[in-house]
């Protein structure tokens, strides 16, 4: 009996060692945690950042449920950490892992991204049409980034003025606060674009430094601009396009199942954001009227001229900087 035990024991030990050797790497792999530190281009309290934080929350819940301990999503802040116009460069060099930003904030790296403001498609339609794949290739090559998704917005930019206008000619000589995207349009109309952060708009209006500004309607409440904004000009123009970008090296280092999880959550965020923005826009129009704002609706001919001039000015400006890329993007989004 003892002889049999002595003979069998080494085999049992060898089997145990073999089992440990096989399972140990698997256990180590399962225990590895991938951390993504993120920034937003807007303050934490802004509606855009609130939606991104919801994305992080839902993605984290999904990961914790299906792949416990494998993914950690950390929000580091906004412009107080890295200026919003420098965040994509920080992403490119690996200082930060993920950013939620607008295309207009990184045109110094990918100038043609601004043309997405002219898109006639929803984000999921852009995926089907090949827009996503083309833009992702550009981000890979120029920004060392993976474009996780275009997740908004479904809204438009609007011009808010201290005095009404009847058409394009009335913009001549006016000082209009603007982000980079509408600058070619304003210049073509004889207006003077003024660059400043949105939080500074209120003081500039009160002091008469600017005659108005351009922002998505759903964002002006974030900066206390509802009451000071006397006139909201219709039609709206340019769709503010927002993107979730991940450092390409970081993305390539993620296992496939975490890549799939993040992609799925970004697609879900796109639907949620656009539905939310459209509802918010309708509600805000009601509140704008209550606050005494006048809707400055241009006549049909003037409205068409306004919109056409805005589209033409942007397309020409970007085509001069990146002709081949611009041609491809315009062919895909229209």
C-alpha atoms as a PDB file:
ATOM      1  CA  UNK A   1       0.000   0.000   0.000  1.00  0.00           C
ATOM      2  CA  UNK A   2       2.744   2.416   0.968  1.00  0.00           C
ATOM      3  CA  UNK A   3       4.646   1.425  -2.158  1.00  0.00           C
ATOM      4  CA  UNK A   4       1.706   2.438  -4.360  1.00  0.00           C
ATOM      5  CA  UNK A   5       1.387   5.788  -2.599  1.00  0.00           C
ATOM      6  CA  UNK A   6       5.082   6.497  -3.003  1.00  0.00           C
ATOM      7  CA  UNK A   7       4.923   5.697  -6.697  1.00  0.00           C
ATOM      8  CA  UNK A   8       1.779   7.770  -7.316  1.00  0.00           C
ATOM      9  CA  UNK A   9       2.743  10.837  -5.333  1.00  0.00           C
ATOM     10  CA  UNK A  10       5.257  12.251  -7.829  1.00  0.00           C
ATOM     11  CA  UNK A  11       2.654  12.035 -10.583  1.00  0.00           C
ATOM     12  CA  UNK A  12       0.123  13.863  -8.425  1.00  0.00           C
ATOM     13  CA  UNK A  13       2.696  16.530  -7.676  1.00  0.00           C
ATOM     14  CA  UNK A  14       3.594  16.856 -11.334  1.00  0.00           C
ATOM     15  CA  UNK A  15      -0.073  17.181 -12.301  1.00  0.00           C
ATOM     16  CA  UNK A  16      -0.555  19.819  -9.641  1.00  0.00           C
ATOM     17  CA  UNK A  17       2.478  21.755 -10.797  1.00  0.00           C
ATOM     18  CA  UNK A  18       1.336  21.515 -14.405  1.00  0.00           C
ATOM     19  CA  UNK A  19      -2.155  22.700 -13.513  1.00  0.00           C
ATOM     20  CA  UNK A  20      -0.680  25.663 -11.608  1.00  0.00           C
ATOM     21  CA  UNK A  21       1.618  26.509 -14.508  1.00  0.00           C
ATOM     22  CA  UNK A  22      -1.316  26.508 -16.929  1.00  0.00           C
ATOM     23  CA  UNK A  23      -3.738  28.449 -14.751  1.00  0.00           C
ATOM     24  CA  UNK A  24      -1.269  30.947 -13.357  1.00  0.00           C
ATOM     25  CA  UNK A  25      -0.802  33.031 -16.544  1.00  0.00           C
ATOM     26  CA  UNK A  26      -4.548  33.056 -17.060  1.00  0.00           C
ATOM     27  CA  UNK A  27      -5.107  34.295 -13.541  1.00  0.00           C
ATOM     28  CA  UNK A  28      -2.457  36.940 -14.000  1.00  0.00           C
ATOM     29  CA  UNK A  29      -4.037  38.109 -17.258  1.00  0.00           C
ATOM     30  CA  UNK A  30      -7.487  38.243 -15.685  1.00  0.00           C
ATOM     31  CA  UNK A  31      -6.110  40.289 -12.814  1.00  0.00           C
ATOM     32  CA  UNK A  32      -4.475  42.915 -15.040  1.00  0.00           C
ATOM     33  CA  UNK A  33      -6.165  46.302 -14.838  1.00  0.00           C
ATOM     34  CA  UNK A  34      -6.205  48.734 -17.750  1.00  0.00           C
ATOM     35  CA  UNK A  35      -6.593  52.354 -16.619  1.00  0.00           C
ATOM     36  CA  UNK A  36      -7.764  55.168 -18.898  1.00  0.00           C
ATOM     37  CA  UNK A  37      -7.335  58.714 -17.558  1.00  0.00           C
ATOM     38  CA  UNK A  38      -9.609  61.178 -19.333  1.00  0.00           C
ATOM     39  CA  UNK A  39     -10.229  64.902 -19.821  1.00  0.00           C
ATOM     40  CA  UNK A  40     -13.080  66.940 -21.267  1.00  0.00           C
ATOM     41  CA  UNK A  41     -12.804  70.162 -23.234  1.00  0.00           C
ATOM     42  CA  UNK A  42     -15.609  71.678 -21.148  1.00  0.00           C
ATOM     43  CA  UNK A  43     -15.928  72.261 -17.391  1.00  0.00           C
ATOM     44  CA  UNK A  44     -17.298  69.358 -15.375  1.00  0.00           C
ATOM     45  CA  UNK A  45     -20.628  71.136 -14.860  1.00  0.00           C
ATOM     46  CA  UNK A  46     -21.208  71.800 -18.591  1.00  0.00           C
ATOM     47  CA  UNK A  47     -23.872  69.696 -20.286  1.00  0.00           C
ATOM     48  CA  UNK A  48     -21.315  68.110 -22.642  1.00  0.00           C
ATOM     49  CA  UNK A  49     -19.141  66.961 -19.759  1.00  0.00           C
ATOM     50  CA  UNK A  50     -22.160  65.689 -17.844  1.00  0.00           C
ATOM     51  CA  UNK A  51     -23.007  63.442 -20.785  1.00  0.00           C
ATOM     52  CA  UNK A  52     -19.426  62.193 -21.026  1.00  0.00           C
ATOM     53  CA  UNK A  53     -19.387  61.408 -17.317  1.00  0.00           C
ATOM     54  CA  UNK A  54     -22.550  59.378 -17.886  1.00  0.00           C
ATOM     55  CA  UNK A  55     -20.698  57.472 -20.610  1.00  0.00           C
ATOM     56  CA  UNK A  56     -17.845  56.754 -18.191  1.00  0.00           C
ATOM     57  CA  UNK A  57     -20.311  55.603 -15.549  1.00  0.00           C
ATOM     58  CA  UNK A  58     -22.158  53.223 -17.861  1.00  0.00           C
ATOM     59  CA  UNK A  59     -18.968  51.862 -19.427  1.00  0.00           C
ATOM     60  CA  UNK A  60     -17.508  51.250 -15.972  1.00  0.00           C
ATOM     61  CA  UNK A  61     -20.657  49.440 -14.845  1.00  0.00           C
ATOM     62  CA  UNK A  62     -20.547  47.291 -17.980  1.00  0.00           C
ATOM     63  CA  UNK A  63     -16.885  46.417 -17.409  1.00  0.00           C
ATOM     64  CA  UNK A  64     -17.354  45.700 -13.700  1.00  0.00           C
ATOM     65  CA  UNK A  65     -20.228  43.351 -14.474  1.00  0.00           C
ATOM     66  CA  UNK A  66     -18.651  41.439 -17.346  1.00  0.00           C
ATOM     67  CA  UNK A  67     -14.897  41.812 -16.779  1.00  0.00           C
ATOM     68  CA  UNK A  68     -14.396  42.578 -13.069  1.00  0.00           C
ATOM     69  CA  UNK A  69     -11.222  44.449 -12.250  1.00  0.00           C
ATOM     70  CA  UNK A  70     -10.025  44.751 -15.861  1.00  0.00           C
ATOM     71  CA  UNK A  71     -10.951  48.345 -16.683  1.00  0.00           C
ATOM     72  CA  UNK A  72     -10.661  51.525 -14.639  1.00  0.00           C
ATOM     73  CA  UNK A  73     -12.016  54.768 -16.113  1.00  0.00           C
ATOM     74  CA  UNK A  74     -10.796  57.903 -14.348  1.00  0.00           C
ATOM     75  CA  UNK A  75     -11.966  61.470 -15.000  1.00  0.00           C
ATOM     76  CA  UNK A  76      -9.170  63.951 -14.345  1.00  0.00           C
ATOM     77  CA  UNK A  77     -10.922  67.223 -15.184  1.00  0.00           C
ATOM     78  CA  UNK A  78     -11.083  69.779 -17.985  1.00  0.00           C
ATOM     79  CA  UNK A  79      -9.303  72.968 -19.023  1.00  0.00           C
ATOM     80  CA  UNK A  80      -7.949  73.548 -15.539  1.00  0.00           C
ATOM     81  CA  UNK A  81      -5.770  70.464 -16.054  1.00  0.00           C
ATOM     82  CA  UNK A  82      -4.786  71.000 -19.701  1.00  0.00           C
ATOM     83  CA  UNK A  83      -6.118  73.806 -21.915  1.00  0.00           C
ATOM     84  CA  UNK A  84      -8.823  72.469 -24.236  1.00  0.00           C
ATOM     85  CA  UNK A  85      -6.813  73.430 -27.340  1.00  0.00           C
ATOM     86  CA  UNK A  86      -3.824  71.446 -26.104  1.00  0.00           C
ATOM     87  CA  UNK A  87      -5.619  68.304 -24.960  1.00  0.00           C
ATOM     88  CA  UNK A  88      -5.373  66.374 -28.233  1.00  0.00           C
ATOM     89  CA  UNK A  89      -1.654  67.132 -28.429  1.00  0.00           C
ATOM     90  CA  UNK A  90      -1.357  65.795 -24.863  1.00  0.00           C
ATOM     91  CA  UNK A  91      -3.264  62.739 -26.027  1.00  0.00           C
ATOM     92  CA  UNK A  92      -0.979  62.326 -29.031  1.00  0.00           C
ATOM     93  CA  UNK A  93       2.106  62.251 -26.813  1.00  0.00           C
ATOM     94  CA  UNK A  94       0.539  59.973 -24.199  1.00  0.00           C
ATOM     95  CA  UNK A  95       0.252  62.525 -21.387  1.00  0.00           C
ATOM     96  CA  UNK A  96      -3.456  61.677 -21.178  1.00  0.00           C
ATOM     97  CA  UNK A  97      -5.253  58.538 -22.373  1.00  0.00           C
ATOM     98  CA  UNK A  98      -8.678  59.760 -23.474  1.00  0.00           C
ATOM     99  CA  UNK A  99     -10.321  63.095 -24.304  1.00  0.00           C
ATOM    100  CA  UNK A 100     -13.850  64.217 -25.065  1.00  0.00           C
ATOM    101  CA  UNK A 101     -13.565  67.279 -27.262  1.00  0.00           C
ATOM    102  CA  UNK A 102     -14.873  69.213 -30.257  1.00  0.00           C
ATOM    103  CA  UNK A 103     -13.217  69.058 -33.651  1.00  0.00           C
ATOM    104  CA  UNK A 104     -12.749  72.827 -33.637  1.00  0.00           C
ATOM    105  CA  UNK A 105     -10.346  72.522 -30.695  1.00  0.00           C
ATOM    106  CA  UNK A 106      -7.725  70.517 -32.585  1.00  0.00           C
ATOM    107  CA  UNK A 107      -7.764  71.892 -36.117  1.00  0.00           C
ATOM    108  CA  UNK A 108      -4.054  72.671 -35.712  1.00  0.00           C
ATOM    109  CA  UNK A 109      -3.497  68.892 -35.892  1.00  0.00           C
ATOM    110  CA  UNK A 110      -6.349  67.803 -38.198  1.00  0.00           C
ATOM    111  CA  UNK A 111      -7.728  70.920 -39.953  1.00  0.00           C
ATOM    112  CA  UNK A 112     -10.169  68.911 -42.076  1.00  0.00           C
ATOM    113  CA  UNK A 113     -12.061  67.693 -38.993  1.00  0.00           C
ATOM    114  CA  UNK A 114     -13.936  71.017 -39.032  1.00  0.00           C
ATOM    115  CA  UNK A 115     -15.790  69.891 -42.159  1.00  0.00           C
ATOM    116  CA  UNK A 116     -17.767  67.480 -40.008  1.00  0.00           C
ATOM    117  CA  UNK A 117     -19.787  70.543 -38.979  1.00  0.00           C
ATOM    118  CA  UNK A 118     -21.388  70.267 -42.441  1.00  0.00           C
ATOM    119  CA  UNK A 119     -22.497  66.659 -42.030  1.00  0.00           C
ATOM    120  CA  UNK A 120     -26.052  65.728 -42.958  1.00  0.00           C
ATOM    121  CA  UNK A 121     -25.785  62.350 -41.259  1.00  0.00           C
ATOM    122  CA  UNK A 122     -26.188  60.980 -37.762  1.00  0.00           C
ATOM    123  CA  UNK A 123     -23.120  59.278 -36.195  1.00  0.00           C
ATOM    124  CA  UNK A 124     -24.452  55.758 -36.832  1.00  0.00           C
ATOM    125  CA  UNK A 125     -25.198  56.691 -40.457  1.00  0.00           C
ATOM    126  CA  UNK A 126     -21.626  57.957 -40.783  1.00  0.00           C
ATOM    127  CA  UNK A 127     -20.303  54.582 -39.623  1.00  0.00           C
ATOM    128  CA  UNK A 128     -22.358  52.832 -42.298  1.00  0.00           C
ATOM    129  CA  UNK A 129     -21.208  55.298 -44.972  1.00  0.00           C
ATOM    130  CA  UNK A 130     -17.507  54.856 -44.224  1.00  0.00           C
ATOM    131  CA  UNK A 131     -17.043  58.281 -42.625  1.00  0.00           C
ATOM    132  CA  UNK A 132     -15.880  56.788 -39.340  1.00  0.00           C
ATOM    133  CA  UNK A 133     -13.246  54.567 -40.951  1.00  0.00           C
ATOM    134  CA  UNK A 134     -11.806  57.444 -42.948  1.00  0.00           C
ATOM    135  CA  UNK A 135     -11.719  59.821 -39.990  1.00  0.00           C
ATOM    136  CA  UNK A 136     -10.195  57.139 -37.794  1.00  0.00           C
ATOM    137  CA  UNK A 137      -7.391  56.644 -40.312  1.00  0.00           C
ATOM    138  CA  UNK A 138      -6.689  60.390 -40.242  1.00  0.00           C
ATOM    139  CA  UNK A 139      -6.631  60.365 -36.432  1.00  0.00           C
ATOM    140  CA  UNK A 140      -4.297  57.354 -36.415  1.00  0.00           C
ATOM    141  CA  UNK A 141      -1.843  59.043 -38.759  1.00  0.00           C
ATOM    142  CA  UNK A 142      -1.979  62.658 -37.596  1.00  0.00           C
ATOM    143  CA  UNK A 143      -2.858  62.505 -33.900  1.00  0.00           C
ATOM    144  CA  UNK A 144      -1.705  59.044 -32.789  1.00  0.00           C
ATOM    145  CA  UNK A 145      -5.317  58.574 -31.711  1.00  0.00           C
ATOM    146  CA  UNK A 146      -8.149  56.104 -32.112  1.00  0.00           C
ATOM    147  CA  UNK A 147     -11.481  57.787 -32.739  1.00  0.00           C
ATOM    148  CA  UNK A 148     -13.806  55.891 -30.462  1.00  0.00           C
ATOM    149  CA  UNK A 149     -16.822  57.683 -31.818  1.00  0.00           C
ATOM    150  CA  UNK A 150     -18.555  60.887 -32.835  1.00  0.00           C
ATOM    151  CA  UNK A 151     -21.082  61.136 -30.088  1.00  0.00           C
ATOM    152  CA  UNK A 152     -22.973  64.356 -30.695  1.00  0.00           C
ATOM    153  CA  UNK A 153     -24.548  66.614 -30.976  1.00  0.00           C
ATOM    154  CA  UNK A 154     -27.576  66.798 -33.206  1.00  0.00           C
ATOM    155  CA  UNK A 155     -27.800  70.527 -32.457  1.00  0.00           C
ATOM    156  CA  UNK A 156     -26.603  73.597 -34.379  1.00  0.00           C
ATOM    157  CA  UNK A 157     -24.680  76.776 -33.757  1.00  0.00           C
ATOM    158  CA  UNK A 158     -26.766  79.946 -33.435  1.00  0.00           C
ATOM    159  CA  UNK A 159     -25.873  83.605 -33.479  1.00  0.00           C
ATOM    160  CA  UNK A 160     -27.016  85.650 -30.485  1.00  0.00           C
ATOM    161  CA  UNK A 161     -26.952  89.445 -30.863  1.00  0.00           C
ATOM    162  CA  UNK A 162     -27.652  92.604 -28.902  1.00  0.00           C
ATOM    163  CA  UNK A 163     -29.480  94.091 -31.935  1.00  0.00           C
ATOM    164  CA  UNK A 164     -31.541  92.394 -34.685  1.00  0.00           C
ATOM    165  CA  UNK A 165     -30.444  91.856 -38.284  1.00  0.00           C
ATOM    166  CA  UNK A 166     -32.417  91.415 -41.501  1.00  0.00           C
ATOM    167  CA  UNK A 167     -29.699  89.593 -43.436  1.00  0.00           C
ATOM    168  CA  UNK A 168     -26.011  89.024 -44.073  1.00  0.00           C
ATOM    169  CA  UNK A 169     -25.335  92.672 -44.924  1.00  0.00           C
ATOM    170  CA  UNK A 170     -26.177  93.718 -41.358  1.00  0.00           C
ATOM    171  CA  UNK A 171     -23.279  91.683 -39.972  1.00  0.00           C
ATOM    172  CA  UNK A 172     -20.731  94.015 -41.546  1.00  0.00           C
ATOM    173  CA  UNK A 173     -18.665  95.785 -38.915  1.00  0.00           C
ATOM    174  CA  UNK A 174     -20.014  93.769 -35.982  1.00  0.00           C
ATOM    175  CA  UNK A 175     -17.707  92.167 -33.415  1.00  0.00           C
ATOM    176  CA  UNK A 176     -18.838  88.591 -32.902  1.00  0.00           C
ATOM    177  CA  UNK A 177     -17.344  86.185 -30.393  1.00  0.00           C
ATOM    178  CA  UNK A 178     -16.717  82.898 -32.168  1.00  0.00           C
ATOM    179  CA  UNK A 179     -14.826  79.640 -31.983  1.00  0.00           C
ATOM    180  CA  UNK A 180     -12.513  78.841 -34.905  1.00  0.00           C
ATOM    181  CA  UNK A 181     -15.117  77.104 -37.068  1.00  0.00           C
ATOM    182  CA  UNK A 182     -17.325  80.125 -38.002  1.00  0.00           C
ATOM    183  CA  UNK A 183     -14.369  82.513 -38.467  1.00  0.00           C
ATOM    184  CA  UNK A 184     -14.195  82.206 -42.296  1.00  0.00           C
ATOM    185  CA  UNK A 185     -17.951  82.811 -42.514  1.00  0.00           C
ATOM    186  CA  UNK A 186     -17.841  85.899 -40.309  1.00  0.00           C
ATOM    187  CA  UNK A 187     -14.940  87.362 -42.259  1.00  0.00           C
ATOM    188  CA  UNK A 188     -16.731  86.722 -45.552  1.00  0.00           C
ATOM    189  CA  UNK A 189     -19.725  88.648 -44.201  1.00  0.00           C
ATOM    190  CA  UNK A 190     -17.569  91.609 -43.127  1.00  0.00           C
ATOM    191  CA  UNK A 191     -17.831  90.894 -39.400  1.00  0.00           C
ATOM    192  CA  UNK A 192     -14.868  90.782 -37.012  1.00  0.00           C
ATOM    193  CA  UNK A 193     -14.447  87.434 -35.207  1.00  0.00           C
ATOM    194  CA  UNK A 194     -13.385  87.771 -31.579  1.00  0.00           C
ATOM    195  CA  UNK A 195     -11.797  84.816 -29.825  1.00  0.00           C
ATOM    196  CA  UNK A 196     -12.451  84.314 -26.128  1.00  0.00           C
ATOM    197  CA  UNK A 197     -13.482  81.491 -23.781  1.00  0.00           C
ATOM    198  CA  UNK A 198     -17.267  81.187 -23.322  1.00  0.00           C
ATOM    199  CA  UNK A 199     -17.090  82.198 -19.614  1.00  0.00           C
ATOM    200  CA  UNK A 200     -15.793  85.627 -20.722  1.00  0.00           C
ATOM    201  CA  UNK A 201     -18.681  86.365 -23.102  1.00  0.00           C
ATOM    202  CA  UNK A 202     -21.017  87.843 -20.489  1.00  0.00           C
ATOM    203  CA  UNK A 203     -18.540  90.498 -19.348  1.00  0.00           C
ATOM    204  CA  UNK A 204     -17.616  91.323 -22.951  1.00  0.00           C
ATOM    205  CA  UNK A 205     -21.290  91.865 -23.822  1.00  0.00           C
ATOM    206  CA  UNK A 206     -21.908  94.013 -20.751  1.00  0.00           C
ATOM    207  CA  UNK A 207     -18.933  96.208 -21.646  1.00  0.00           C
ATOM    208  CA  UNK A 208     -19.913  96.474 -25.302  1.00  0.00           C
ATOM    209  CA  UNK A 209     -16.724  94.779 -26.465  1.00  0.00           C
ATOM    210  CA  UNK A 210     -18.750  92.404 -28.657  1.00  0.00           C
ATOM    211  CA  UNK A 211     -22.103  92.731 -30.433  1.00  0.00           C
ATOM    212  CA  UNK A 212     -22.926  89.078 -29.994  1.00  0.00           C
ATOM    213  CA  UNK A 213     -21.586  85.549 -30.040  1.00  0.00           C
ATOM    214  CA  UNK A 214     -22.011  82.138 -31.659  1.00  0.00           C
ATOM    215  CA  UNK A 215     -22.719  79.047 -29.548  1.00  0.00           C
ATOM    216  CA  UNK A 216     -25.040  76.028 -29.548  1.00  0.00           C
ATOM    217  CA  UNK A 217     -28.323  77.140 -27.966  1.00  0.00           C
ATOM    218  CA  UNK A 218     -28.235  74.374 -25.357  1.00  0.00           C
ATOM    219  CA  UNK A 219     -24.974  75.652 -23.891  1.00  0.00           C
ATOM    220  CA  UNK A 220     -25.640  79.333 -23.253  1.00  0.00           C
ATOM    221  CA  UNK A 221     -27.333  78.723 -19.908  1.00  0.00           C
ATOM    222  CA  UNK A 222     -24.079  77.182 -18.648  1.00  0.00           C
ATOM    223  CA  UNK A 223     -22.465  80.610 -18.998  1.00  0.00           C
ATOM    224  CA  UNK A 224     -25.299  82.794 -17.672  1.00  0.00           C
ATOM    225  CA  UNK A 225     -26.133  84.156 -21.127  1.00  0.00           C
ATOM    226  CA  UNK A 226     -29.894  83.631 -21.411  1.00  0.00           C
ATOM    227  CA  UNK A 227     -31.067  87.033 -20.101  1.00  0.00           C
ATOM    228  CA  UNK A 228     -28.301  89.160 -21.681  1.00  0.00           C
ATOM    229  CA  UNK A 229     -28.932  87.606 -25.117  1.00  0.00           C
ATOM    230  CA  UNK A 230     -31.609  89.796 -26.701  1.00  0.00           C
ATOM    231  CA  UNK A 231     -31.859  88.236 -30.160  1.00  0.00           C
ATOM    232  CA  UNK A 232     -31.388  84.663 -31.386  1.00  0.00           C
ATOM    233  CA  UNK A 233     -30.855  84.569 -35.139  1.00  0.00           C
ATOM    234  CA  UNK A 234     -32.481  81.847 -37.251  1.00  0.00           C
ATOM    235  CA  UNK A 235     -31.471  79.764 -39.149  1.00  0.00           C
ATOM    236  CA  UNK A 236     -28.886  77.815 -37.190  1.00  0.00           C
ATOM    237  CA  UNK A 237     -25.780  76.620 -39.003  1.00  0.00           C
ATOM    238  CA  UNK A 238     -22.947  74.138 -38.507  1.00  0.00           C
ATOM    239  CA  UNK A 239     -23.386  71.088 -36.343  1.00  0.00           C
ATOM    240  CA  UNK A 240     -21.054  71.083 -33.315  1.00  0.00           C
ATOM    241  CA  UNK A 241     -19.272  67.739 -33.632  1.00  0.00           C
ATOM    242  CA  UNK A 242     -17.836  66.101 -30.533  1.00  0.00           C
ATOM    243  CA  UNK A 243     -15.488  63.139 -30.414  1.00  0.00           C
ATOM    244  CA  UNK A 244     -14.137  60.650 -27.914  1.00  0.00           C
ATOM    245  CA  UNK A 245     -10.482  60.024 -28.721  1.00  0.00           C
ATOM    246  CA  UNK A 246      -8.118  57.477 -27.145  1.00  0.00           C
ATOM    247  CA  UNK A 247      -4.339  57.465 -27.443  1.00  0.00           C
ATOM    248  CA  UNK A 248      -3.588  54.938 -30.190  1.00  0.00           C
ATOM    249  CA  UNK A 249      -0.880  53.078 -28.259  1.00  0.00           C
ATOM    250  CA  UNK A 250      -3.200  52.790 -25.281  1.00  0.00           C
ATOM    251  CA  UNK A 251      -6.030  51.578 -27.512  1.00  0.00           C
ATOM    252  CA  UNK A 252      -3.868  48.958 -29.196  1.00  0.00           C
ATOM    253  CA  UNK A 253      -2.822  47.717 -25.772  1.00  0.00           C
ATOM    254  CA  UNK A 254      -6.393  46.984 -24.722  1.00  0.00           C
ATOM    255  CA  UNK A 255      -7.739  43.441 -25.155  1.00  0.00           C
ATOM    256  CA  UNK A 256     -10.341  43.042 -27.891  1.00  0.00           C
ATOM    257  CA  UNK A 257     -13.243  42.551 -25.482  1.00  0.00           C
ATOM    258  CA  UNK A 258     -12.562  45.909 -23.776  1.00  0.00           C
ATOM    259  CA  UNK A 259     -12.266  47.622 -27.157  1.00  0.00           C
ATOM    260  CA  UNK A 260     -15.648  46.169 -28.111  1.00  0.00           C
ATOM    261  CA  UNK A 261     -17.170  47.268 -24.802  1.00  0.00           C
ATOM    262  CA  UNK A 262     -15.986  50.871 -25.178  1.00  0.00           C
ATOM    263  CA  UNK A 263     -17.097  51.022 -28.813  1.00  0.00           C
ATOM    264  CA  UNK A 264     -20.551  49.734 -27.878  1.00  0.00           C
ATOM    265  CA  UNK A 265     -20.899  52.275 -25.079  1.00  0.00           C
ATOM    266  CA  UNK A 266     -19.773  55.121 -27.376  1.00  0.00           C
ATOM    267  CA  UNK A 267     -22.434  54.138 -29.926  1.00  0.00           C
ATOM    268  CA  UNK A 268     -25.050  54.104 -27.185  1.00  0.00           C
ATOM    269  CA  UNK A 269     -23.855  57.522 -26.022  1.00  0.00           C
ATOM    270  CA  UNK A 270     -24.314  58.917 -29.540  1.00  0.00           C
ATOM    271  CA  UNK A 271     -27.999  57.966 -29.569  1.00  0.00           C
ATOM    272  CA  UNK A 272     -28.521  59.217 -26.022  1.00  0.00           C
ATOM    273  CA  UNK A 273     -26.744  62.538 -26.634  1.00  0.00           C
ATOM    274  CA  UNK A 274     -28.659  63.412 -29.766  1.00  0.00           C
ATOM    275  CA  UNK A 275     -32.025  62.526 -28.241  1.00  0.00           C
ATOM    276  CA  UNK A 276     -31.157  64.533 -25.130  1.00  0.00           C
ATOM    277  CA  UNK A 277     -29.943  67.569 -27.092  1.00  0.00           C
ATOM    278  CA  UNK A 278     -33.051  67.699 -29.240  1.00  0.00           C
ATOM    279  CA  UNK A 279     -35.286  67.580 -26.187  1.00  0.00           C
ATOM    280  CA  UNK A 280     -33.154  70.168 -24.417  1.00  0.00           C
ATOM    281  CA  UNK A 281     -33.273  72.479 -27.439  1.00  0.00           C
ATOM    282  CA  UNK A 282     -37.070  72.477 -27.534  1.00  0.00           C
ATOM    283  CA  UNK A 283     -37.274  73.117 -23.799  1.00  0.00           C
ATOM    284  CA  UNK A 284     -34.723  75.927 -23.969  1.00  0.00           C
ATOM    285  CA  UNK A 285     -36.624  77.768 -26.705  1.00  0.00           C
ATOM    286  CA  UNK A 286     -39.605  77.944 -24.381  1.00  0.00           C
ATOM    287  CA  UNK A 287     -37.415  79.283 -21.567  1.00  0.00           C
ATOM    288  CA  UNK A 288     -35.703  81.777 -23.876  1.00  0.00           C
ATOM    289  CA  UNK A 289     -39.052  83.313 -24.719  1.00  0.00           C
ATOM    290  CA  UNK A 290     -39.993  83.511 -21.055  1.00  0.00           C
ATOM    291  CA  UNK A 291     -36.727  85.348 -20.392  1.00  0.00           C
ATOM    292  CA  UNK A 292     -37.618  87.969 -23.009  1.00  0.00           C
ATOM    293  CA  UNK A 293     -35.429  86.788 -25.885  1.00  0.00           C
ATOM    294  CA  UNK A 294     -36.647  87.641 -29.402  1.00  0.00           C
ATOM    295  CA  UNK A 295     -36.313  85.113 -32.209  1.00  0.00           C
ATOM    296  CA  UNK A 296     -34.753  86.991 -35.125  1.00  0.00           C
ATOM    297  CA  UNK A 297     -36.005  84.845 -38.023  1.00  0.00           C
ATOM    298  CA  UNK A 298     -34.587  85.801 -41.399  1.00  0.00           C
ATOM    299  CA  UNK A 299     -36.847  85.690 -44.450  1.00  0.00           C
ATOM    300  CA  UNK A 300     -36.622  82.664 -46.774  1.00  0.00           C
ATOM    301  CA  UNK A 301     -34.199  84.222 -49.265  1.00  0.00           C
ATOM    302  CA  UNK A 302     -32.005  85.799 -46.617  1.00  0.00           C
ATOM    303  CA  UNK A 303     -32.031  82.597 -44.563  1.00  0.00           C
ATOM    304  CA  UNK A 304     -30.905  80.566 -47.578  1.00  0.00           C
ATOM    305  CA  UNK A 305     -28.166  83.085 -48.378  1.00  0.00           C
ATOM    306  CA  UNK A 306     -27.026  83.054 -44.745  1.00  0.00           C
ATOM    307  CA  UNK A 307     -26.799  79.261 -44.614  1.00  0.00           C
ATOM    308  CA  UNK A 308     -25.209  78.895 -48.057  1.00  0.00           C
ATOM    309  CA  UNK A 309     -22.571  81.502 -47.293  1.00  0.00           C
ATOM    310  CA  UNK A 310     -21.716  79.794 -44.002  1.00  0.00           C
ATOM    311  CA  UNK A 311     -21.321  76.387 -45.664  1.00  0.00           C
ATOM    312  CA  UNK A 312     -19.356  77.740 -48.619  1.00  0.00           C
ATOM    313  CA  UNK A 313     -16.935  79.765 -46.491  1.00  0.00           C
ATOM    314  CA  UNK A 314     -16.062  76.801 -44.269  1.00  0.00           C
ATOM    315  CA  UNK A 315     -15.671  74.337 -47.152  1.00  0.00           C
ATOM    316  CA  UNK A 316     -13.391  76.713 -49.059  1.00  0.00           C
ATOM    317  CA  UNK A 317     -11.250  77.511 -46.016  1.00  0.00           C
ATOM    318  CA  UNK A 318     -10.654  73.841 -45.155  1.00  0.00           C
ATOM    319  CA  UNK A 319     -10.155  72.784 -48.765  1.00  0.00           C
ATOM    320  CA  UNK A 320      -7.330  75.310 -49.054  1.00  0.00           C
ATOM    321  CA  UNK A 321      -5.560  73.663 -46.085  1.00  0.00           C
ATOM    322  CA  UNK A 322      -6.203  69.998 -46.844  1.00  0.00           C
ATOM    323  CA  UNK A 323      -7.608  69.624 -50.384  1.00  0.00           C
ATOM    324  CA  UNK A 324      -7.550  65.836 -50.756  1.00  0.00           C
ATOM    325  CA  UNK A 325      -8.892  65.131 -47.259  1.00  0.00           C
ATOM    326  CA  UNK A 326     -11.572  67.804 -47.629  1.00  0.00           C
ATOM    327  CA  UNK A 327     -12.734  66.370 -50.941  1.00  0.00           C
ATOM    328  CA  UNK A 328     -13.067  62.909 -49.427  1.00  0.00           C
ATOM    329  CA  UNK A 329     -14.916  64.067 -46.308  1.00  0.00           C
ATOM    330  CA  UNK A 330     -17.363  66.218 -48.278  1.00  0.00           C
ATOM    331  CA  UNK A 331     -18.124  63.285 -50.575  1.00  0.00           C
ATOM    332  CA  UNK A 332     -18.882  61.041 -47.585  1.00  0.00           C
ATOM    333  CA  UNK A 333     -20.989  63.333 -45.387  1.00  0.00           C
ATOM    334  CA  UNK A 334     -23.377  64.831 -47.922  1.00  0.00           C
END
